[in-house]
Protein backbone atom coordinates (compact mmCIF):
# COMPACT_ATOMS: atom_id res chain seq x y z
CA GLN A 1 0.00 0.00 0.00
CA LYS A 2 1.43 3.31 -1.07
CA SER A 3 0.83 6.10 1.40
CA GLY A 4 1.93 8.81 -0.98
CA THR A 5 2.96 12.04 0.66
CA ARG A 6 1.93 11.79 4.28
CA LYS A 7 -0.46 14.65 4.86
CA MET A 8 -1.56 15.52 8.38
CA VAL A 9 -4.62 17.77 8.37
CA VAL A 10 -5.00 19.84 11.52
CA ALA A 11 -8.35 20.91 12.97
CA ASP A 12 -9.50 24.47 12.35
CA ALA A 13 -12.59 25.93 13.99
CA ALA A 14 -13.88 27.05 10.59
CA VAL A 15 -13.76 23.55 9.12
CA GLU A 16 -14.37 21.33 12.15
CA TRP A 17 -16.54 21.69 15.22
CA GLU A 18 -17.83 19.54 18.08
CA LEU A 19 -21.55 18.98 18.51
CA GLY A 20 -23.09 20.09 21.78
CA SER A 21 -25.16 17.73 23.98
CA PRO A 22 -23.50 14.49 22.80
CA PRO A 23 -24.63 11.06 24.02
CA SER A 24 -23.37 10.13 27.50
CA ASP A 25 -22.27 6.61 26.50
CA GLY A 26 -20.77 4.98 23.42
CA VAL A 27 -21.83 6.32 20.01
CA SER A 28 -22.85 3.28 17.97
CA SER A 29 -23.89 4.76 14.61
CA LEU A 30 -24.07 7.99 12.60
CA THR A 31 -26.41 8.57 9.65
CA PHE A 32 -26.88 11.79 7.70
CA SER A 33 -30.32 12.72 6.46
CA PRO A 34 -30.91 11.94 2.78
CA GLY A 35 -31.01 15.03 0.58
CA PRO A 36 -29.43 18.41 1.19
CA ALA A 37 -30.40 18.70 4.87
CA SER A 38 -27.51 18.75 7.36
CA SER A 39 -29.31 16.75 10.06
CA LEU A 40 -27.46 13.83 11.65
CA PHE A 41 -29.13 10.81 13.26
CA VAL A 42 -27.14 9.30 16.15
CA THR A 43 -27.67 6.08 18.10
CA SER A 44 -25.97 5.31 21.37
CA TRP A 45 -25.35 2.94 24.24
CA ASP A 46 -26.97 5.55 26.52
CA LYS A 47 -30.40 4.25 25.32
CA THR A 48 -31.16 7.28 23.16
CA VAL A 49 -31.51 8.23 19.53
CA ARG A 50 -30.78 11.87 18.77
CA THR A 51 -30.93 14.19 15.79
CA TYR A 52 -28.70 17.22 15.35
CA ASP A 53 -28.62 20.11 12.91
CA CYS A 54 -24.91 20.08 12.14
CA GLU A 55 -24.75 23.59 10.68
CA THR A 56 -26.45 25.34 13.62
CA ASN A 57 -25.07 22.85 16.18
CA GLN A 58 -28.49 22.23 17.72
CA GLU A 59 -29.97 19.04 19.11
CA LEU A 60 -33.27 18.73 17.25
CA SER A 61 -34.68 15.65 18.98
CA LYS A 62 -33.88 13.10 21.65
CA ILE A 63 -35.89 9.91 22.10
CA GLU A 64 -35.39 7.56 25.05
CA CYS A 65 -35.36 3.79 24.47
CA SER A 66 -35.55 0.85 26.87
CA ALA A 67 -32.12 -0.53 25.95
CA PRO A 68 -28.83 0.56 24.35
CA VAL A 69 -29.31 1.30 20.65
CA LEU A 70 -26.58 -0.44 18.64
CA SER A 71 -27.58 0.54 15.11
CA GLY A 72 -29.63 3.11 13.23
CA ALA A 73 -30.94 4.14 9.81
CA LEU A 74 -33.06 6.85 8.18
CA SER A 75 -35.71 6.66 5.48
CA SER A 76 -36.27 10.45 5.44
CA PRO A 77 -35.30 13.51 7.49
CA VAL A 78 -38.21 12.78 9.85
CA GLU A 79 -38.31 8.95 10.06
CA GLY A 80 -35.59 6.93 11.73
CA PHE A 81 -35.07 3.33 12.85
CA GLY A 82 -33.05 1.71 15.61
CA GLY A 83 -31.96 -1.75 16.67
CA THR A 84 -31.34 -2.43 20.36
CA LEU A 85 -29.26 -4.66 22.59
CA GLU A 86 -32.51 -6.37 23.68
CA GLY A 87 -33.32 -7.28 20.05
CA GLY A 88 -35.98 -4.68 19.35
CA VAL A 89 -36.39 -3.01 15.96
CA HIS A 90 -38.06 0.39 16.42
CA ALA A 91 -39.34 3.20 14.21
CA PHE A 92 -39.05 6.83 15.34
CA ASP A 93 -41.05 9.86 14.29
CA LEU A 94 -38.35 12.50 14.66
CA ASN A 95 -40.87 15.35 14.54
CA THR A 96 -43.10 14.13 17.37
CA GLY A 97 -40.59 12.02 19.30
CA VAL A 98 -42.94 9.03 19.18
CA SER A 99 -41.47 5.53 18.81
CA SER A 100 -43.19 2.36 17.63
CA ASP A 101 -42.18 -1.29 17.39
CA LEU A 102 -41.53 -2.92 14.02
CA GLY A 103 -40.62 -6.27 15.53
CA ALA A 104 -37.83 -8.08 17.33
CA HIS A 105 -34.93 -10.48 17.06
CA SER A 106 -34.13 -12.93 19.86
CA SER A 107 -30.77 -11.24 20.49
CA ALA A 108 -29.05 -7.90 19.91
CA VAL A 109 -29.64 -6.10 16.61
CA ARG A 110 -26.07 -5.24 15.62
CA CYS A 111 -26.79 -3.77 12.17
CA LEU A 112 -29.63 -1.85 10.58
CA SER A 113 -30.13 -0.32 7.15
CA TYR A 114 -32.96 1.26 5.19
CA THR A 115 -33.16 0.50 1.48
CA HIS A 116 -35.16 2.94 -0.65
CA THR A 117 -35.10 0.42 -3.52
CA ALA A 118 -37.31 -1.98 -1.57
CA ASN A 119 -38.75 0.55 0.92
CA ALA A 120 -37.71 -1.81 3.67
CA VAL A 121 -35.72 -1.90 6.88
CA VAL A 122 -33.06 -4.62 6.96
CA SER A 123 -31.74 -5.82 10.33
CA ALA A 124 -29.00 -8.31 11.19
CA SER A 125 -28.56 -9.76 14.65
CA TRP A 126 -26.45 -11.77 17.02
CA ASP A 127 -29.29 -14.33 16.77
CA LYS A 128 -27.74 -15.37 13.42
CA THR A 129 -30.56 -14.03 11.25
CA VAL A 130 -31.12 -11.15 8.84
CA ARG A 131 -34.71 -9.83 8.58
CA LEU A 132 -36.73 -7.50 6.36
CA TRP A 133 -39.41 -5.19 7.79
CA ASP A 134 -42.04 -3.07 6.06
CA PRO A 135 -42.38 0.14 8.11
CA ARG A 136 -45.90 0.68 6.73
CA SER A 137 -47.22 -2.63 8.06
CA PRO A 138 -45.22 -3.83 11.08
CA SER A 139 -45.37 -7.60 11.44
CA THR A 140 -43.05 -10.54 11.74
CA GLY A 141 -40.21 -9.74 9.38
CA ALA A 142 -39.13 -12.21 6.72
CA SER A 143 -36.19 -14.05 8.29
CA THR A 144 -33.10 -15.59 6.70
CA ALA A 145 -30.55 -17.69 8.60
CA LEU A 146 -26.93 -16.52 8.71
CA PRO A 147 -23.90 -18.77 9.28
CA ASP A 148 -23.05 -16.99 12.57
CA LYS A 149 -23.59 -13.80 14.60
CA ALA A 150 -23.91 -10.67 12.45
CA TYR A 151 -21.21 -8.06 13.08
CA THR A 152 -21.72 -5.67 10.18
CA MET A 153 -24.03 -5.12 7.20
CA ASP A 154 -24.66 -2.74 4.31
CA THR A 155 -27.20 -2.32 1.50
CA HIS A 156 -26.90 -0.90 -2.02
CA GLY A 157 -29.78 -1.05 -4.51
CA ASN A 158 -31.14 -4.60 -4.31
CA ARG A 159 -28.05 -6.01 -2.63
CA VAL A 160 -27.44 -6.79 1.04
CA ILE A 161 -24.00 -7.77 2.34
CA VAL A 162 -23.47 -9.19 5.83
CA GLY A 163 -20.23 -9.89 7.68
CA THR A 164 -20.50 -12.40 10.52
CA ALA A 165 -18.42 -14.15 13.12
CA GLY A 166 -16.26 -16.86 11.60
CA ARG A 167 -15.17 -14.40 8.86
CA HIS A 168 -18.18 -15.19 6.66
CA VAL A 169 -19.28 -12.60 4.07
CA TRP A 170 -22.67 -13.36 2.52
CA VAL A 171 -24.28 -11.35 -0.27
CA TYR A 172 -28.05 -11.38 -0.93
CA ASP A 173 -30.48 -10.06 -3.51
CA ILE A 174 -33.18 -8.38 -1.43
CA ARG A 175 -35.85 -9.74 -3.80
CA LYS A 176 -34.94 -13.35 -2.96
CA MET A 177 -33.52 -13.44 0.52
CA ASP A 178 -34.16 -17.17 1.01
CA THR A 179 -30.69 -18.01 -0.27
CA ALA A 180 -27.40 -16.12 -0.47
CA GLU A 181 -26.29 -14.92 -3.91
CA GLN A 182 -22.64 -15.30 -2.85
CA ARG A 183 -21.04 -17.01 0.13
CA ARG A 184 -17.53 -15.77 0.73
CA GLU A 185 -14.85 -15.91 3.35
CA SER A 186 -13.08 -12.73 4.37
CA SER A 187 -9.67 -12.41 2.76
CA LEU A 188 -8.43 -11.00 6.10
CA LYS A 189 -7.32 -13.46 8.76
CA PHE A 190 -8.95 -11.79 11.76
CA GLN A 191 -12.47 -10.84 12.85
CA THR A 192 -14.45 -8.56 10.54
CA ARG A 193 -15.36 -5.19 12.05
CA LYS A 194 -17.01 -3.21 9.21
CA ILE A 195 -18.24 -3.76 5.63
CA ARG A 196 -19.33 -1.00 3.27
CA PHE A 197 -20.35 -1.13 -0.40
CA ASN A 198 -18.36 1.15 -2.66
CA THR A 199 -20.14 4.09 -4.29
CA ALA A 200 -20.94 2.15 -7.47
CA GLY A 201 -22.17 -0.91 -5.57
CA ASP A 202 -20.00 -3.32 -7.59
CA GLY A 203 -17.57 -3.98 -4.75
CA TYR A 204 -16.97 -3.40 -1.06
CA VAL A 205 -14.41 -2.54 1.56
CA LEU A 206 -13.97 -4.74 4.63
CA SER A 207 -12.02 -3.82 7.76
CA SER A 208 -10.81 -6.05 10.56
CA ILE A 209 -9.67 -5.93 14.17
CA ASP A 210 -6.01 -6.32 13.16
CA GLY A 211 -5.54 -2.99 11.37
CA ARG A 212 -6.17 -4.20 7.83
CA VAL A 213 -8.52 -3.22 5.03
CA ALA A 214 -9.55 -5.36 2.05
CA VAL A 215 -10.85 -3.88 -1.21
CA GLU A 216 -13.03 -6.49 -2.93
CA TRP A 217 -15.17 -6.88 -6.07
CA LEU A 218 -18.47 -8.74 -6.38
CA ASP A 219 -17.97 -9.96 -9.96
CA PRO A 220 -16.59 -13.51 -9.49
CA SER A 221 -14.73 -13.49 -12.83
CA GLU A 222 -11.01 -14.05 -12.69
CA GLU A 223 -10.40 -10.65 -14.30
CA SER A 224 -12.32 -8.80 -11.55
CA GLN A 225 -10.88 -10.88 -8.73
CA LYS A 226 -7.35 -9.98 -9.86
CA LYS A 227 -8.14 -6.36 -8.90
CA LYS A 228 -8.75 -7.08 -5.21
CA TYR A 229 -6.11 -6.18 -2.65
CA ALA A 230 -5.59 -5.58 1.07
CA PHE A 231 -3.39 -3.25 3.07
CA LYS A 232 -2.29 -2.45 6.61
CA CYS A 233 -3.23 0.79 8.36
CA HIS A 234 -4.08 2.25 11.79
CA ARG A 235 -0.82 0.99 13.26
CA LEU A 236 1.45 3.05 15.49
CA LYS A 237 4.72 2.68 17.33
CA VAL A 238 3.97 2.97 21.08
CA ASP A 239 6.99 2.91 23.40
CA GLY A 240 9.04 1.49 20.55
CA LYS A 241 6.60 -1.35 19.85
CA ASP A 242 4.30 -1.76 16.85
CA THR A 243 0.71 -1.48 18.06
CA ILE A 244 -2.17 -2.68 15.87
CA TYR A 245 -5.62 -1.11 16.23
CA PRO A 246 -9.07 -2.35 15.16
CA ILE A 247 -10.69 -0.39 12.32
CA ASN A 248 -14.23 0.31 13.54
CA ALA A 249 -15.54 2.60 10.83
CA VAL A 250 -15.59 2.88 7.04
CA ALA A 251 -17.50 5.50 5.02
CA PHE A 252 -17.47 6.15 1.26
CA HIS A 253 -17.56 9.64 -0.21
CA PRO A 254 -20.80 9.66 -2.25
CA ARG A 255 -19.34 11.58 -5.22
CA TYR A 256 -15.66 10.73 -5.44
CA GLY A 257 -15.54 7.02 -4.56
CA THR A 258 -12.80 7.60 -1.99
CA PHE A 259 -13.36 6.30 1.52
CA ALA A 260 -12.57 7.15 5.12
CA THR A 261 -11.46 4.73 7.82
CA GLY A 262 -11.52 5.31 11.57
CA GLY A 263 -9.66 3.21 14.10
CA CYS A 264 -9.03 2.67 17.79
CA ASP A 265 -5.85 4.71 17.33
CA GLY A 266 -8.03 7.84 17.21
CA PHE A 267 -7.11 8.66 13.61
CA VAL A 268 -9.21 9.12 10.47
CA ASN A 269 -7.59 8.39 7.09
CA ILE A 270 -8.93 9.13 3.60
CA TRP A 271 -8.03 6.59 0.89
CA ASP A 272 -8.12 6.52 -2.90
CA PRO A 273 -8.89 2.87 -3.74
CA ALA A 274 -8.14 3.27 -7.47
CA LYS A 275 -4.64 4.61 -6.88
CA LYS A 276 -4.12 2.44 -3.78
CA LYS A 277 -2.91 5.34 -1.70
CA ARG A 278 -3.80 7.50 1.26
CA LEU A 279 -4.89 11.04 0.42
CA CYS A 280 -4.63 12.42 3.94
CA GLN A 281 -4.80 11.76 7.65
CA PHE A 282 -6.64 14.05 10.05
CA HIS A 283 -5.33 15.10 13.45
CA LYS A 284 -5.62 12.63 16.34
CA TYR A 285 -9.00 12.57 18.08
CA PRO A 286 -9.35 12.10 21.87
CA THR A 287 -10.13 8.36 21.73
CA SER A 288 -11.28 5.52 19.43
CA ILE A 289 -13.24 6.38 16.29
CA SER A 290 -16.45 4.36 16.66
CA ALA A 291 -18.40 5.63 13.62
CA LEU A 292 -18.09 7.78 10.49
CA ALA A 293 -20.61 9.18 7.99
CA PHE A 294 -20.45 11.45 4.97
CA SER A 295 -23.37 13.75 4.20
CA HIS A 296 -25.45 13.24 1.06
CA ASP A 297 -23.17 15.47 -1.07
CA GLY A 298 -19.94 14.57 0.73
CA GLY A 299 -19.53 18.12 2.02
CA LEU A 300 -19.59 17.10 5.68
CA LEU A 301 -17.98 14.19 7.52
CA ALA A 302 -19.31 13.19 10.95
CA ILE A 303 -16.74 11.60 13.25
CA ALA A 304 -17.61 9.85 16.52
CA SER A 305 -14.77 9.86 19.04
CA SER A 306 -16.06 7.26 21.48
CA TYR A 307 -14.10 4.66 23.41
CA THR A 308 -14.96 1.13 22.21
CA TYR A 309 -13.55 -0.79 25.20
CA GLU A 310 -10.86 -2.54 23.17
CA GLU A 311 -8.64 -2.22 26.26
CA GLY A 312 -11.39 -3.03 28.79
CA GLU A 313 -12.69 -0.76 31.53
CA LYS A 314 -10.49 2.28 32.05
CA ASP A 315 -10.75 6.04 32.38
CA HIS A 316 -11.33 7.54 28.94
CA PRO A 317 -12.28 10.84 27.30
CA ALA A 318 -15.94 11.77 27.11
CA ASP A 319 -17.89 10.72 24.01
CA ALA A 320 -17.86 13.39 21.31
CA ILE A 321 -19.10 13.93 17.76
CA TYR A 322 -17.12 16.17 15.41
CA ILE A 323 -18.40 17.61 12.15
CA ARG A 324 -15.79 18.35 9.51
CA ARG A 325 -16.41 20.43 6.41
CA THR A 326 -14.46 18.49 3.81
CA VAL A 327 -12.42 19.98 0.97
CA ASP A 328 -11.36 18.41 -2.31
CA ASP A 329 -7.71 18.31 -1.24
CA GLU A 330 -8.76 15.77 1.40
CA THR A 331 -11.31 13.67 -0.42
CA LYS A 332 -10.93 14.01 -4.20
CA PRO A 333 -8.58 11.74 -6.18
CA ASN A 334 -5.55 13.51 -7.67
CA TYR A 335 -6.40 12.81 -11.31
């Protein structure tokens, strides 16, 4: 992996700011509103879902839940969804603050996504199932068995990709969820932490707990598979020793096809997958990066600095969410 010219981008109040009234426990997911709005939907271990206006730095809504919320998604600026540690899948009216039940898994809902293609909520759980829910008619969601506990999931068009324990990566067509379209094994040797489809939807990026990222393609042809590669990142020398950090977060820029990674080292890197190089690295954040999200046009990047307990119980900085106004020098390929 070529790093190119190492570029450290320092915070400036004009381009980066911290949101007020952050969650009081771990930030589990960040989702920007679809469309031009600058509202950000945040789920947390403090049993809340919150919405912020990033430009005015105002908390727009806060809804209490009965359990930690591990995953979230939006269908519109005013309708959100959350999956909880208890297994609940909930819908939230962000205007009124009213929540309703869509259904439940028998264990924690680790991943949640809303697909506009199918107008459905997709949830994946530690109960080793992935389910589809119709928000307009809550009922028992169509259930599909997974090979192991779900750790991460993403949707793009009619495709669903799920990464599970045991390094399984299964790809589904949402129109026929009864059987996986592809059954893969992660090309990385350690536990999968995050999977995200690329901007075009013809491939994906997978990160692991051992500071590695894999860039993969869905087309099984030999020609396409020759293009896949993996690289090391989020590794630092600490007291003279190489220290490897889990990569918790991956987010693709919606226009440029570049992607950001965030790790337990507290750093955010921007990568150009076509050139196989790093475009830049932001300044160090107070603690682990637990989640990342680009806005609809890529103009804003939300960064959750939130300790993920990779080193067990210890004193750690307070949870914080930073909003960064991105510039082309950071996110646009150099060609």
